[in-house]
Amino acid sequence: MSRSTQSDPHIVGLAVMDATPTFELAIPCEVFGVDRSDIVAPWYELRLCAAEPGPLRTATGLTVDTPYGLDDLVEADTVIVAACTRRAQIAPPQPLLDAVRAAYEKGRRIVSLCSGAYILAHAGLLAGRPATTHWMNIGDFADRFPEVGFTPSALYTDDGAVLTSAGSGAAIDLCLHLVRRDHGSAVANEVARRMVVPPHREGGQTQYVTPLVRPEEDDGLEPVLHFAREHLHEALTVPQLARVARLSERTFARRFRDTLGTTPLQWLLQQRVRLAQELLETTEEPVELIAGRTGFGTAANLRHHFRRVTTVSPQTYRHVFRHRAASRGRGAEAVPPS
């Protein structure tokens, strides 16, 4: 492995708030806080900085020792704000906002993990920048911060001095990306190997989001939705569905949007992609056959729409998820009877 020529370690300041999710707080501790000077020296120096008065605990009740404060956070080379509680998302501690702004003005690298993006947005650092956060916060975040160049499908964003990640596992992706930026791919790959995680994941967080399926209201649509699901392999059209619903095309389209919040064709696309996901996970069928069963017709058409919805190819999705159901089954069998 290559050796750094720097004499001083790169200081990573991690802002710690009360009730921070344990996993998101642990990720930067694992990546930057474990001594890996056998890979490259000097390694990072991680400093846990209290963002509010203590004692501070994680969401699961673990007490966090924070020997550093916000003054130390401002002086760190990289400032990381981990995921935070809903309280902090809505009304973050003002001293933390001031410290993040001061660090940015000093030219420090600013990073948010998961919902930590709310802190950066409140501090005004994301205006006009690409940013992301956990997919469950997409609607709320975009509504609160319309000035942000929101990128909901991204696992992480890198705008040079300001970086953000999507939820949970995506924080690992971003932290490894920081190592890659600082020390190169060989070092980042070795850290990933020791953590037993992929050094780089293809695609975005959309692949982990179940396509839109909203509860059907009793508005006369349930029979046509059932019909459509049973005939996804056919070339369904809006006029055909309107006839099944016994409505005019205009009334059908309006009632469909009012009830499900999307158009009939978009709903059909989501259902077809969802079925394709299930078949890729649970069968060995070739993509060409799955394309026919899901109504996409050709493998090329399936690949095009599948990538548009999930951001990854069917082959990549199958590689990642195909054994999920089998693994669950093996896990259940492995549990001895009580």
C-alpha atoms as a PDB file:
ATOM      1  CA  MET A   1       0.000   0.000   0.000  1.00  0.00           C
ATOM      2  CA  SER A   2       1.115   3.550  -0.633  1.00  0.00           C
ATOM      3  CA  ARG A   3       2.258   5.681   2.247  1.00  0.00           C
ATOM      4  CA  SER A   4       1.168   9.232   2.884  1.00  0.00           C
ATOM      5  CA  THR A   5       3.863  11.891   2.840  1.00  0.00           C
ATOM      6  CA  GLN A   6       1.945  14.081   5.269  1.00  0.00           C
ATOM      7  CA  SER A   7       3.261  14.298   8.799  1.00  0.00           C
ATOM      8  CA  ASP A   8      -0.003  15.322  10.464  1.00  0.00           C
ATOM      9  CA  PRO A   9      -3.183  13.232  10.413  1.00  0.00           C
ATOM     10  CA  HIS A  10      -6.328  14.491   8.714  1.00  0.00           C
ATOM     11  CA  ILE A  11      -8.706  15.526  11.526  1.00  0.00           C
ATOM     12  CA  VAL A  12     -12.305  14.336  11.189  1.00  0.00           C
ATOM     13  CA  GLY A  13     -14.728  16.094  13.518  1.00  0.00           C
ATOM     14  CA  LEU A  14     -17.970  14.199  14.117  1.00  0.00           C
ATOM     15  CA  ALA A  15     -20.833  16.269  15.536  1.00  0.00           C
ATOM     16  CA  VAL A  16     -22.707  14.313  18.202  1.00  0.00           C
ATOM     17  CA  MET A  17     -26.273  15.218  19.163  1.00  0.00           C
ATOM     18  CA  ASP A  18     -28.446  13.481  21.699  1.00  0.00           C
ATOM     19  CA  ALA A  19     -30.398  10.443  20.454  1.00  0.00           C
ATOM     20  CA  THR A  20     -28.384  10.196  17.231  1.00  0.00           C
ATOM     21  CA  PRO A  21     -29.115   6.871  15.462  1.00  0.00           C
ATOM     22  CA  THR A  22     -26.465   4.398  16.572  1.00  0.00           C
ATOM     23  CA  PHE A  23     -25.659   2.920  13.170  1.00  0.00           C
ATOM     24  CA  GLU A  24     -25.078   6.239  11.417  1.00  0.00           C
ATOM     25  CA  LEU A  25     -22.877   7.422  14.283  1.00  0.00           C
ATOM     26  CA  ALA A  26     -20.896   4.181  14.251  1.00  0.00           C
ATOM     27  CA  ILE A  27     -20.044   4.275  10.538  1.00  0.00           C
ATOM     28  CA  PRO A  28     -17.594   7.218  10.636  1.00  0.00           C
ATOM     29  CA  CYS A  29     -16.184   5.774  13.870  1.00  0.00           C
ATOM     30  CA  GLU A  30     -15.461   2.499  12.050  1.00  0.00           C
ATOM     31  CA  VAL A  31     -14.030   4.099   8.910  1.00  0.00           C
ATOM     32  CA  PHE A  32     -12.045   6.976  10.414  1.00  0.00           C
ATOM     33  CA  GLY A  33     -11.715   6.084  14.095  1.00  0.00           C
ATOM     34  CA  VAL A  34     -10.064   2.657  13.792  1.00  0.00           C
ATOM     35  CA  ASP A  35      -6.276   2.824  13.505  1.00  0.00           C
ATOM     36  CA  ARG A  36      -5.436   1.716   9.983  1.00  0.00           C
ATOM     37  CA  SER A  37      -1.919   3.123   9.854  1.00  0.00           C
ATOM     38  CA  ASP A  38      -0.725  -0.259   8.566  1.00  0.00           C
ATOM     39  CA  ILE A  39      -2.511   0.647   5.318  1.00  0.00           C
ATOM     40  CA  VAL A  40      -1.450   4.278   5.058  1.00  0.00           C
ATOM     41  CA  ALA A  41       0.191   6.584   7.574  1.00  0.00           C
ATOM     42  CA  PRO A  42      -0.770   8.840   9.062  1.00  0.00           C
ATOM     43  CA  TRP A  43      -4.354   7.646   9.260  1.00  0.00           C
ATOM     44  CA  TYR A  44      -7.246   9.916  10.196  1.00  0.00           C
ATOM     45  CA  GLU A  45      -7.775  11.264  13.697  1.00  0.00           C
ATOM     46  CA  LEU A  46     -11.434  11.143  14.698  1.00  0.00           C
ATOM     47  CA  ARG A  47     -12.749  13.631  17.253  1.00  0.00           C
ATOM     48  CA  LEU A  48     -16.221  13.247  18.754  1.00  0.00           C
ATOM     49  CA  CYS A  49     -17.550  16.766  19.251  1.00  0.00           C
ATOM     50  CA  ALA A  50     -20.545  17.503  21.468  1.00  0.00           C
ATOM     51  CA  ALA A  51     -23.099  19.544  19.546  1.00  0.00           C
ATOM     52  CA  GLU A  52     -25.253  20.173  22.616  1.00  0.00           C
ATOM     53  CA  PRO A  53     -24.916  19.827  26.404  1.00  0.00           C
ATOM     54  CA  GLY A  54     -24.449  16.290  27.718  1.00  0.00           C
ATOM     55  CA  PRO A  55     -24.582  13.614  28.732  1.00  0.00           C
ATOM     56  CA  LEU A  56     -25.244  12.478  25.164  1.00  0.00           C
ATOM     57  CA  ARG A  57     -26.662   9.083  24.266  1.00  0.00           C
ATOM     58  CA  THR A  58     -27.463   7.317  21.029  1.00  0.00           C
ATOM     59  CA  ALA A  59     -31.010   6.435  20.048  1.00  0.00           C
ATOM     60  CA  THR A  60     -30.493   3.012  21.637  1.00  0.00           C
ATOM     61  CA  GLY A  61     -29.251   4.459  24.920  1.00  0.00           C
ATOM     62  CA  LEU A  62     -25.484   4.068  24.553  1.00  0.00           C
ATOM     63  CA  THR A  63     -23.578   6.849  26.296  1.00  0.00           C
ATOM     64  CA  VAL A  64     -21.156   8.679  23.985  1.00  0.00           C
ATOM     65  CA  ASP A  65     -17.965  10.146  25.385  1.00  0.00           C
ATOM     66  CA  THR A  66     -17.454  13.520  23.681  1.00  0.00           C
ATOM     67  CA  PRO A  67     -14.140  15.013  24.827  1.00  0.00           C
ATOM     68  CA  TYR A  68     -14.307  17.702  22.130  1.00  0.00           C
ATOM     69  CA  GLY A  69     -16.703  20.579  21.518  1.00  0.00           C
ATOM     70  CA  LEU A  70     -17.939  22.791  18.703  1.00  0.00           C
ATOM     71  CA  ASP A  71     -14.752  24.878  18.675  1.00  0.00           C
ATOM     72  CA  ASP A  72     -12.879  21.679  17.838  1.00  0.00           C
ATOM     73  CA  LEU A  73     -15.462  20.831  15.175  1.00  0.00           C
ATOM     74  CA  VAL A  74     -14.791  24.143  13.419  1.00  0.00           C
ATOM     75  CA  GLU A  75     -11.058  23.411  13.302  1.00  0.00           C
ATOM     76  CA  ALA A  76     -11.390  19.883  11.899  1.00  0.00           C
ATOM     77  CA  ASP A  77     -10.304  19.218   8.317  1.00  0.00           C
ATOM     78  CA  THR A  78     -13.534  17.313   7.642  1.00  0.00           C
ATOM     79  CA  VAL A  79     -16.760  18.023   9.527  1.00  0.00           C
ATOM     80  CA  ILE A  80     -19.337  15.213   9.605  1.00  0.00           C
ATOM     81  CA  VAL A  81     -22.923  15.660  10.743  1.00  0.00           C
ATOM     82  CA  ALA A  82     -24.564  12.282  11.245  1.00  0.00           C
ATOM     83  CA  ALA A  83     -28.269  11.448  11.154  1.00  0.00           C
ATOM     84  CA  CYS A  84     -30.396  13.253  13.713  1.00  0.00           C
ATOM     85  CA  THR A  85     -33.740  13.095  15.454  1.00  0.00           C
ATOM     86  CA  ARG A  86     -36.892  14.620  14.026  1.00  0.00           C
ATOM     87  CA  ARG A  87     -36.605  17.353  16.639  1.00  0.00           C
ATOM     88  CA  ALA A  88     -33.192  18.329  15.328  1.00  0.00           C
ATOM     89  CA  GLN A  89     -34.372  18.084  11.709  1.00  0.00           C
ATOM     90  CA  ILE A  90     -37.035  20.702  12.361  1.00  0.00           C
ATOM     91  CA  ALA A  91     -35.214  22.922  14.878  1.00  0.00           C
ATOM     92  CA  PRO A  92     -31.469  22.113  14.994  1.00  0.00           C
ATOM     93  CA  PRO A  93     -29.286  23.530  17.783  1.00  0.00           C
ATOM     94  CA  GLN A  94     -28.264  27.049  16.785  1.00  0.00           C
ATOM     95  CA  PRO A  95     -24.675  26.618  18.074  1.00  0.00           C
ATOM     96  CA  LEU A  96     -24.252  23.637  15.735  1.00  0.00           C
ATOM     97  CA  LEU A  97     -25.529  25.647  12.758  1.00  0.00           C
ATOM     98  CA  ASP A  98     -23.096  28.447  13.625  1.00  0.00           C
ATOM     99  CA  ALA A  99     -20.207  25.979  13.905  1.00  0.00           C
ATOM    100  CA  VAL A 100     -20.993  24.298  10.579  1.00  0.00           C
ATOM    101  CA  ARG A 101     -21.151  27.682   8.836  1.00  0.00           C
ATOM    102  CA  ALA A 102     -17.886  28.784  10.454  1.00  0.00           C
ATOM    103  CA  ALA A 103     -16.165  25.573   9.394  1.00  0.00           C
ATOM    104  CA  TYR A 104     -17.365  26.027   5.825  1.00  0.00           C
ATOM    105  CA  GLU A 105     -16.150  29.620   5.755  1.00  0.00           C
ATOM    106  CA  LYS A 106     -12.744  28.365   6.878  1.00  0.00           C
ATOM    107  CA  GLY A 107     -12.637  26.037   3.868  1.00  0.00           C
ATOM    108  CA  ARG A 108     -13.319  22.802   5.767  1.00  0.00           C
ATOM    109  CA  ARG A 109     -14.914  19.835   4.032  1.00  0.00           C
ATOM    110  CA  ILE A 110     -18.524  19.466   5.203  1.00  0.00           C
ATOM    111  CA  VAL A 111     -20.293  16.092   5.131  1.00  0.00           C
ATOM    112  CA  SER A 112     -23.776  14.960   6.143  1.00  0.00           C
ATOM    113  CA  LEU A 113     -24.936  11.392   6.625  1.00  0.00           C
ATOM    114  CA  CYS A 114     -28.591  10.495   6.092  1.00  0.00           C
ATOM    115  CA  SER A 115     -30.869  13.081   7.756  1.00  0.00           C
ATOM    116  CA  GLY A 116     -27.850  15.153   8.746  1.00  0.00           C
ATOM    117  CA  ALA A 117     -28.577  16.905   5.439  1.00  0.00           C
ATOM    118  CA  TYR A 118     -31.293  18.836   7.296  1.00  0.00           C
ATOM    119  CA  ILE A 119     -28.587  20.492   9.401  1.00  0.00           C
ATOM    120  CA  LEU A 120     -26.584  21.515   6.344  1.00  0.00           C
ATOM    121  CA  ALA A 121     -29.721  22.835   4.658  1.00  0.00           C
ATOM    122  CA  HIS A 122     -30.729  24.865   7.719  1.00  0.00           C
ATOM    123  CA  ALA A 123     -27.190  26.267   7.782  1.00  0.00           C
ATOM    124  CA  GLY A 124     -27.641  27.450   4.200  1.00  0.00           C
ATOM    125  CA  LEU A 125     -24.850  25.289   2.788  1.00  0.00           C
ATOM    126  CA  LEU A 126     -26.973  23.315   0.325  1.00  0.00           C
ATOM    127  CA  ALA A 127     -28.649  26.160  -1.575  1.00  0.00           C
ATOM    128  CA  GLY A 128     -28.077  25.546  -5.272  1.00  0.00           C
ATOM    129  CA  ARG A 129     -26.061  22.393  -4.558  1.00  0.00           C
ATOM    130  CA  PRO A 130     -26.892  18.768  -5.278  1.00  0.00           C
ATOM    131  CA  ALA A 131     -27.878  16.932  -2.101  1.00  0.00           C
ATOM    132  CA  THR A 132     -29.636  13.802  -0.964  1.00  0.00           C
ATOM    133  CA  THR A 133     -31.000  12.170   2.173  1.00  0.00           C
ATOM    134  CA  HIS A 134     -32.862   9.008   3.183  1.00  0.00           C
ATOM    135  CA  TRP A 135     -35.613   8.096   0.693  1.00  0.00           C
ATOM    136  CA  MET A 136     -38.235   8.169   3.465  1.00  0.00           C
ATOM    137  CA  ASN A 137     -37.539  11.905   3.921  1.00  0.00           C
ATOM    138  CA  ILE A 138     -37.631  12.786   0.227  1.00  0.00           C
ATOM    139  CA  GLY A 139     -40.988  14.574   0.173  1.00  0.00           C
ATOM    140  CA  ASP A 140     -40.477  16.419   3.441  1.00  0.00           C
ATOM    141  CA  PHE A 141     -36.933  17.529   2.631  1.00  0.00           C
ATOM    142  CA  ALA A 142     -37.798  18.759  -0.856  1.00  0.00           C
ATOM    143  CA  ASP A 143     -40.779  20.693   0.501  1.00  0.00           C
ATOM    144  CA  ARG A 144     -38.788  22.357   3.299  1.00  0.00           C
ATOM    145  CA  PHE A 145     -35.764  23.243   1.177  1.00  0.00           C
ATOM    146  CA  PRO A 146     -36.888  24.017  -2.390  1.00  0.00           C
ATOM    147  CA  GLU A 147     -33.635  25.926  -2.990  1.00  0.00           C
ATOM    148  CA  VAL A 148     -31.597  22.710  -2.760  1.00  0.00           C
ATOM    149  CA  GLY A 149     -30.691  20.821  -5.938  1.00  0.00           C
ATOM    150  CA  PHE A 150     -32.273  17.713  -4.488  1.00  0.00           C
ATOM    151  CA  THR A 151     -31.141  14.392  -5.995  1.00  0.00           C
ATOM    152  CA  PRO A 152     -33.411  11.803  -4.348  1.00  0.00           C
ATOM    153  CA  SER A 153     -32.064   8.740  -6.193  1.00  0.00           C
ATOM    154  CA  ALA A 154     -28.382   9.259  -5.322  1.00  0.00           C
ATOM    155  CA  LEU A 155     -26.551   7.147  -2.763  1.00  0.00           C
ATOM    156  CA  TYR A 156     -24.396  10.198  -2.126  1.00  0.00           C
ATOM    157  CA  THR A 157     -23.524  13.547  -3.679  1.00  0.00           C
ATOM    158  CA  ASP A 158     -20.133  15.238  -3.936  1.00  0.00           C
ATOM    159  CA  ASP A 159     -20.034  18.933  -4.731  1.00  0.00           C
ATOM    160  CA  GLY A 160     -16.398  19.368  -3.757  1.00  0.00           C
ATOM    161  CA  ALA A 161     -16.544  21.056  -0.373  1.00  0.00           C
ATOM    162  CA  VAL A 162     -19.994  19.737   0.582  1.00  0.00           C
ATOM    163  CA  LEU A 163     -21.060  16.089   0.441  1.00  0.00           C
ATOM    164  CA  THR A 164     -24.274  14.334   1.475  1.00  0.00           C
ATOM    165  CA  SER A 165     -25.400  10.715   1.699  1.00  0.00           C
ATOM    166  CA  ALA A 166     -28.680   8.850   1.576  1.00  0.00           C
ATOM    167  CA  GLY A 167     -29.747   6.717   4.511  1.00  0.00           C
ATOM    168  CA  SER A 168     -27.948   4.167   6.647  1.00  0.00           C
ATOM    169  CA  GLY A 169     -25.862   1.931   4.355  1.00  0.00           C
ATOM    170  CA  ALA A 170     -25.237   4.819   1.956  1.00  0.00           C
ATOM    171  CA  ALA A 171     -23.238   6.474   4.744  1.00  0.00           C
ATOM    172  CA  ILE A 172     -20.700   3.673   4.282  1.00  0.00           C
ATOM    173  CA  ASP A 173     -20.555   4.460   0.573  1.00  0.00           C
ATOM    174  CA  LEU A 174     -19.845   8.123   1.242  1.00  0.00           C
ATOM    175  CA  CYS A 175     -17.246   7.492   3.941  1.00  0.00           C
ATOM    176  CA  LEU A 176     -15.385   5.106   1.636  1.00  0.00           C
ATOM    177  CA  HIS A 177     -15.662   7.726  -1.102  1.00  0.00           C
ATOM    178  CA  LEU A 178     -13.911  10.199   1.217  1.00  0.00           C
ATOM    179  CA  VAL A 179     -11.112   7.703   1.797  1.00  0.00           C
ATOM    180  CA  ARG A 180     -10.880   7.187  -1.960  1.00  0.00           C
ATOM    181  CA  ARG A 181     -10.620  10.936  -2.518  1.00  0.00           C
ATOM    182  CA  ASP A 182      -7.922  11.307   0.122  1.00  0.00           C
ATOM    183  CA  HIS A 183      -5.826   8.169  -0.403  1.00  0.00           C
ATOM    184  CA  GLY A 184      -6.894   6.532  -3.671  1.00  0.00           C
ATOM    185  CA  SER A 185      -8.876   3.468  -4.670  1.00  0.00           C
ATOM    186  CA  ALA A 186      -6.396   0.882  -3.393  1.00  0.00           C
ATOM    187  CA  VAL A 187      -6.635   2.175   0.176  1.00  0.00           C
ATOM    188  CA  ALA A 188     -10.432   2.562   0.036  1.00  0.00           C
ATOM    189  CA  ASN A 189     -10.786  -0.951  -1.371  1.00  0.00           C
ATOM    190  CA  GLU A 190      -8.669  -2.377   1.438  1.00  0.00           C
ATOM    191  CA  VAL A 191     -10.789  -0.617   4.067  1.00  0.00           C
ATOM    192  CA  ALA A 192     -13.937  -1.974   2.388  1.00  0.00           C
ATOM    193  CA  ARG A 193     -12.433  -5.475   2.339  1.00  0.00           C
ATOM    194  CA  ARG A 194     -11.761  -5.309   6.068  1.00  0.00           C
ATOM    195  CA  MET A 195     -15.290  -4.072   6.702  1.00  0.00           C
ATOM    196  CA  VAL A 196     -16.639  -6.837   4.422  1.00  0.00           C
ATOM    197  CA  VAL A 197     -18.619  -4.357   2.310  1.00  0.00           C
ATOM    198  CA  PRO A 198     -18.530  -3.498  -1.415  1.00  0.00           C
ATOM    199  CA  PRO A 199     -15.933  -0.819  -2.197  1.00  0.00           C
ATOM    200  CA  HIS A 200     -18.420   0.787  -4.577  1.00  0.00           C
ATOM    201  CA  ARG A 201     -22.084   0.090  -5.226  1.00  0.00           C
ATOM    202  CA  GLU A 202     -23.689   0.618  -8.621  1.00  0.00           C
ATOM    203  CA  GLY A 203     -26.856   2.662  -8.940  1.00  0.00           C
ATOM    204  CA  GLY A 204     -28.788   4.777  -6.470  1.00  0.00           C
ATOM    205  CA  GLN A 205     -31.027   4.326  -3.471  1.00  0.00           C
ATOM    206  CA  THR A 206     -34.103   3.995  -5.717  1.00  0.00           C
ATOM    207  CA  GLN A 207     -33.303   0.295  -6.108  1.00  0.00           C
ATOM    208  CA  TYR A 208     -34.152  -0.148  -2.416  1.00  0.00           C
ATOM    209  CA  VAL A 209     -37.486   1.658  -2.609  1.00  0.00           C
ATOM    210  CA  THR A 210     -40.615  -0.346  -3.251  1.00  0.00           C
ATOM    211  CA  PRO A 211     -42.411   1.188  -6.259  1.00  0.00           C
ATOM    212  CA  LEU A 212     -45.428   3.284  -5.380  1.00  0.00           C
ATOM    213  CA  VAL A 213     -48.304   1.143  -4.149  1.00  0.00           C
ATOM    214  CA  ARG A 214     -50.932   3.169  -2.334  1.00  0.00           C
ATOM    215  CA  PRO A 215     -53.970   1.722  -0.586  1.00  0.00           C
ATOM    216  CA  GLU A 216     -56.823   1.670  -3.058  1.00  0.00           C
ATOM    217  CA  GLU A 217     -59.795   3.669  -1.906  1.00  0.00           C
ATOM    218  CA  ASP A 218     -63.274   2.368  -2.590  1.00  0.00           C
ATOM    219  CA  ASP A 219     -63.719   4.566  -5.624  1.00  0.00           C
ATOM    220  CA  GLY A 220     -64.687   1.914  -8.133  1.00  0.00           C
ATOM    221  CA  LEU A 221     -61.080   1.212  -9.153  1.00  0.00           C
ATOM    222  CA  GLU A 222     -60.330  -2.021  -7.296  1.00  0.00           C
ATOM    223  CA  PRO A 223     -61.774  -4.297 -10.044  1.00  0.00           C
ATOM    224  CA  VAL A 224     -59.765  -2.603 -12.789  1.00  0.00           C
ATOM    225  CA  LEU A 225     -56.576  -2.625 -10.694  1.00  0.00           C
ATOM    226  CA  HIS A 226     -57.038  -6.344 -10.073  1.00  0.00           C
ATOM    227  CA  PHE A 227     -57.658  -6.890 -13.789  1.00  0.00           C
ATOM    228  CA  ALA A 228     -54.513  -4.958 -14.710  1.00  0.00           C
ATOM    229  CA  ARG A 229     -52.325  -6.909 -12.272  1.00  0.00           C
ATOM    230  CA  GLU A 230     -53.618 -10.176 -13.712  1.00  0.00           C
ATOM    231  CA  HIS A 231     -52.908  -9.037 -17.284  1.00  0.00           C
ATOM    232  CA  LEU A 232     -49.582  -7.227 -16.981  1.00  0.00           C
ATOM    233  CA  HIS A 233     -48.186  -9.476 -19.716  1.00  0.00           C
ATOM    234  CA  GLU A 234     -50.645  -7.973 -22.199  1.00  0.00           C
ATOM    235  CA  ALA A 235     -50.436  -4.656 -24.077  1.00  0.00           C
ATOM    236  CA  LEU A 236     -52.876  -2.813 -21.829  1.00  0.00           C
ATOM    237  CA  THR A 237     -54.171   0.613 -22.844  1.00  0.00           C
ATOM    238  CA  VAL A 238     -55.992   3.383 -21.008  1.00  0.00           C
ATOM    239  CA  PRO A 239     -59.135   3.015 -23.166  1.00  0.00           C
ATOM    240  CA  GLN A 240     -59.209  -0.710 -22.388  1.00  0.00           C
ATOM    241  CA  LEU A 241     -58.859  -0.091 -18.648  1.00  0.00           C
ATOM    242  CA  ALA A 242     -61.526   2.609 -18.770  1.00  0.00           C
ATOM    243  CA  ARG A 243     -63.913   0.112 -20.361  1.00  0.00           C
ATOM    244  CA  VAL A 244     -63.199  -2.420 -17.612  1.00  0.00           C
ATOM    245  CA  ALA A 245     -63.905   0.312 -15.049  1.00  0.00           C
ATOM    246  CA  ARG A 246     -67.086   1.251 -16.967  1.00  0.00           C
ATOM    247  CA  LEU A 247     -66.022   4.881 -17.086  1.00  0.00           C
ATOM    248  CA  SER A 248     -65.231   7.360 -19.811  1.00  0.00           C
ATOM    249  CA  GLU A 249     -61.534   7.773 -20.493  1.00  0.00           C
ATOM    250  CA  ARG A 250     -61.533  11.304 -19.058  1.00  0.00           C
ATOM    251  CA  THR A 251     -63.396  10.310 -15.871  1.00  0.00           C
ATOM    252  CA  PHE A 252     -61.253   7.211 -15.470  1.00  0.00           C
ATOM    253  CA  ALA A 253     -57.987   9.159 -15.791  1.00  0.00           C
ATOM    254  CA  ARG A 254     -59.173  11.866 -13.373  1.00  0.00           C
ATOM    255  CA  ARG A 255     -60.447   9.394 -10.772  1.00  0.00           C
ATOM    256  CA  PHE A 256     -57.277   7.312 -11.114  1.00  0.00           C
ATOM    257  CA  ARG A 257     -55.031  10.327 -10.433  1.00  0.00           C
ATOM    258  CA  ASP A 258     -57.234  11.553  -7.565  1.00  0.00           C
ATOM    259  CA  THR A 259     -57.181   8.121  -5.928  1.00  0.00           C
ATOM    260  CA  LEU A 260     -53.630   6.907  -6.579  1.00  0.00           C
ATOM    261  CA  GLY A 261     -51.753  10.129  -7.217  1.00  0.00           C
ATOM    262  CA  THR A 262     -50.376   9.003 -10.568  1.00  0.00           C
ATOM    263  CA  THR A 263     -51.493   8.294 -14.140  1.00  0.00           C
ATOM    264  CA  PRO A 264     -52.722   4.879 -15.311  1.00  0.00           C
ATOM    265  CA  LEU A 265     -49.666   4.403 -17.553  1.00  0.00           C
ATOM    266  CA  GLN A 266     -47.225   5.326 -14.799  1.00  0.00           C
ATOM    267  CA  TRP A 267     -49.007   2.965 -12.404  1.00  0.00           C
ATOM    268  CA  LEU A 268     -48.772   0.172 -14.983  1.00  0.00           C
ATOM    269  CA  LEU A 269     -45.047   0.843 -15.378  1.00  0.00           C
ATOM    270  CA  GLN A 270     -44.534   0.678 -11.615  1.00  0.00           C
ATOM    271  CA  GLN A 271     -46.466  -2.575 -11.355  1.00  0.00           C
ATOM    272  CA  ARG A 272     -44.499  -4.130 -14.217  1.00  0.00           C
ATOM    273  CA  VAL A 273     -41.182  -3.124 -12.707  1.00  0.00           C
ATOM    274  CA  ARG A 274     -42.320  -4.455  -9.342  1.00  0.00           C
ATOM    275  CA  LEU A 275     -43.217  -7.803 -10.910  1.00  0.00           C
ATOM    276  CA  ALA A 276     -39.876  -7.844 -12.730  1.00  0.00           C
ATOM    277  CA  GLN A 277     -38.103  -7.257  -9.412  1.00  0.00           C
ATOM    278  CA  GLU A 278     -39.900 -10.214  -7.841  1.00  0.00           C
ATOM    279  CA  LEU A 279     -39.070 -12.491 -10.783  1.00  0.00           C
ATOM    280  CA  LEU A 280     -35.416 -11.410 -10.795  1.00  0.00           C
ATOM    281  CA  GLU A 281     -35.211 -12.127  -7.065  1.00  0.00           C
ATOM    282  CA  THR A 282     -36.991 -15.461  -6.986  1.00  0.00           C
ATOM    283  CA  THR A 283     -36.437 -17.160 -10.355  1.00  0.00           C
ATOM    284  CA  GLU A 284     -33.640 -18.072 -12.746  1.00  0.00           C
ATOM    285  CA  GLU A 285     -35.676 -16.997 -15.774  1.00  0.00           C
ATOM    286  CA  PRO A 286     -33.709 -15.094 -18.426  1.00  0.00           C
ATOM    287  CA  VAL A 287     -34.388 -11.391 -18.867  1.00  0.00           C
ATOM    288  CA  GLU A 288     -36.010 -12.063 -22.252  1.00  0.00           C
ATOM    289  CA  LEU A 289     -38.659 -14.297 -20.666  1.00  0.00           C
ATOM    290  CA  ILE A 290     -39.239 -11.873 -17.771  1.00  0.00           C
ATOM    291  CA  ALA A 291     -39.734  -9.076 -20.315  1.00  0.00           C
ATOM    292  CA  GLY A 292     -42.589 -11.057 -21.853  1.00  0.00           C
ATOM    293  CA  ARG A 293     -44.177 -11.949 -18.518  1.00  0.00           C
ATOM    294  CA  THR A 294     -44.162  -8.338 -17.360  1.00  0.00           C
ATOM    295  CA  GLY A 295     -45.516  -6.764 -20.526  1.00  0.00           C
ATOM    296  CA  PHE A 296     -42.336  -5.038 -21.620  1.00  0.00           C
ATOM    297  CA  GLY A 297     -42.149  -7.213 -24.715  1.00  0.00           C
ATOM    298  CA  THR A 298     -38.415  -7.176 -25.338  1.00  0.00           C
ATOM    299  CA  ALA A 299     -35.354  -7.408 -23.108  1.00  0.00           C
ATOM    300  CA  ALA A 300     -34.186  -4.033 -24.392  1.00  0.00           C
ATOM    301  CA  ASN A 301     -37.481  -2.421 -23.406  1.00  0.00           C
ATOM    302  CA  LEU A 302     -37.333  -4.032 -19.953  1.00  0.00           C
ATOM    303  CA  ARG A 303     -33.766  -2.843 -19.403  1.00  0.00           C
ATOM    304  CA  HIS A 304     -34.663   0.693 -20.452  1.00  0.00           C
ATOM    305  CA  HIS A 305     -37.657   1.078 -18.121  1.00  0.00           C
ATOM    306  CA  PHE A 306     -36.141  -0.942 -15.272  1.00  0.00           C
ATOM    307  CA  ARG A 307     -33.065   1.295 -15.177  1.00  0.00           C
ATOM    308  CA  ARG A 308     -35.236   4.425 -15.358  1.00  0.00           C
ATOM    309  CA  VAL A 309     -37.214   3.348 -12.277  1.00  0.00           C
ATOM    310  CA  THR A 310     -34.519   1.659 -10.169  1.00  0.00           C
ATOM    311  CA  THR A 311     -31.329   3.297 -11.592  1.00  0.00           C
ATOM    312  CA  VAL A 312     -29.693  -0.137 -12.056  1.00  0.00           C
ATOM    313  CA  SER A 313     -29.873  -2.812 -14.742  1.00  0.00           C
ATOM    314  CA  PRO A 314     -31.916  -6.010 -14.267  1.00  0.00           C
ATOM    315  CA  GLN A 315     -28.652  -7.998 -14.199  1.00  0.00           C
ATOM    316  CA  THR A 316     -27.250  -5.867 -11.377  1.00  0.00           C
ATOM    317  CA  TYR A 317     -30.502  -6.048  -9.435  1.00  0.00           C
ATOM    318  CA  ARG A 318     -30.579  -9.834  -9.737  1.00  0.00           C
ATOM    319  CA  HIS A 319     -26.939 -10.110  -8.645  1.00  0.00           C
ATOM    320  CA  VAL A 320     -27.659  -8.114  -5.484  1.00  0.00           C
ATOM    321  CA  PHE A 321     -31.089  -9.438  -4.514  1.00  0.00           C
ATOM    322  CA  ARG A 322     -31.666 -12.846  -6.101  1.00  0.00           C
ATOM    323  CA  HIS A 323     -30.770 -14.845  -2.965  1.00  0.00           C
ATOM    324  CA  ARG A 324     -32.602 -12.650  -0.466  1.00  0.00           C
ATOM    325  CA  ALA A 325     -35.678 -14.858  -0.161  1.00  0.00           C
ATOM    326  CA  ALA A 326     -33.572 -18.040  -0.033  1.00  0.00           C
ATOM    327  CA  SER A 327     -31.370 -16.554   2.686  1.00  0.00           C
ATOM    328  CA  ARG A 328     -34.401 -15.739   4.777  1.00  0.00           C
ATOM    329  CA  GLY A 329     -35.634 -19.286   4.376  1.00  0.00           C
ATOM    330  CA  ARG A 330     -32.294 -20.756   5.420  1.00  0.00           C
ATOM    331  CA  GLY A 331     -32.188 -18.429   8.409  1.00  0.00           C
ATOM    332  CA  ALA A 332     -35.614 -19.575   9.513  1.00  0.00           C
ATOM    333  CA  GLU A 333     -34.643 -23.238   9.177  1.00  0.00           C
ATOM    334  CA  ALA A 334     -31.454 -22.642  11.139  1.00  0.00           C
ATOM    335  CA  VAL A 335     -33.358 -21.543  14.255  1.00  0.00           C
ATOM    336  CA  PRO A 336     -33.833 -24.588  16.488  1.00  0.00           C
ATOM    337  CA  PRO A 337     -37.336 -25.204  17.857  1.00  0.00           C
ATOM    338  CA  SER A 338     -37.882 -23.860  21.354  1.00  0.00           C
END
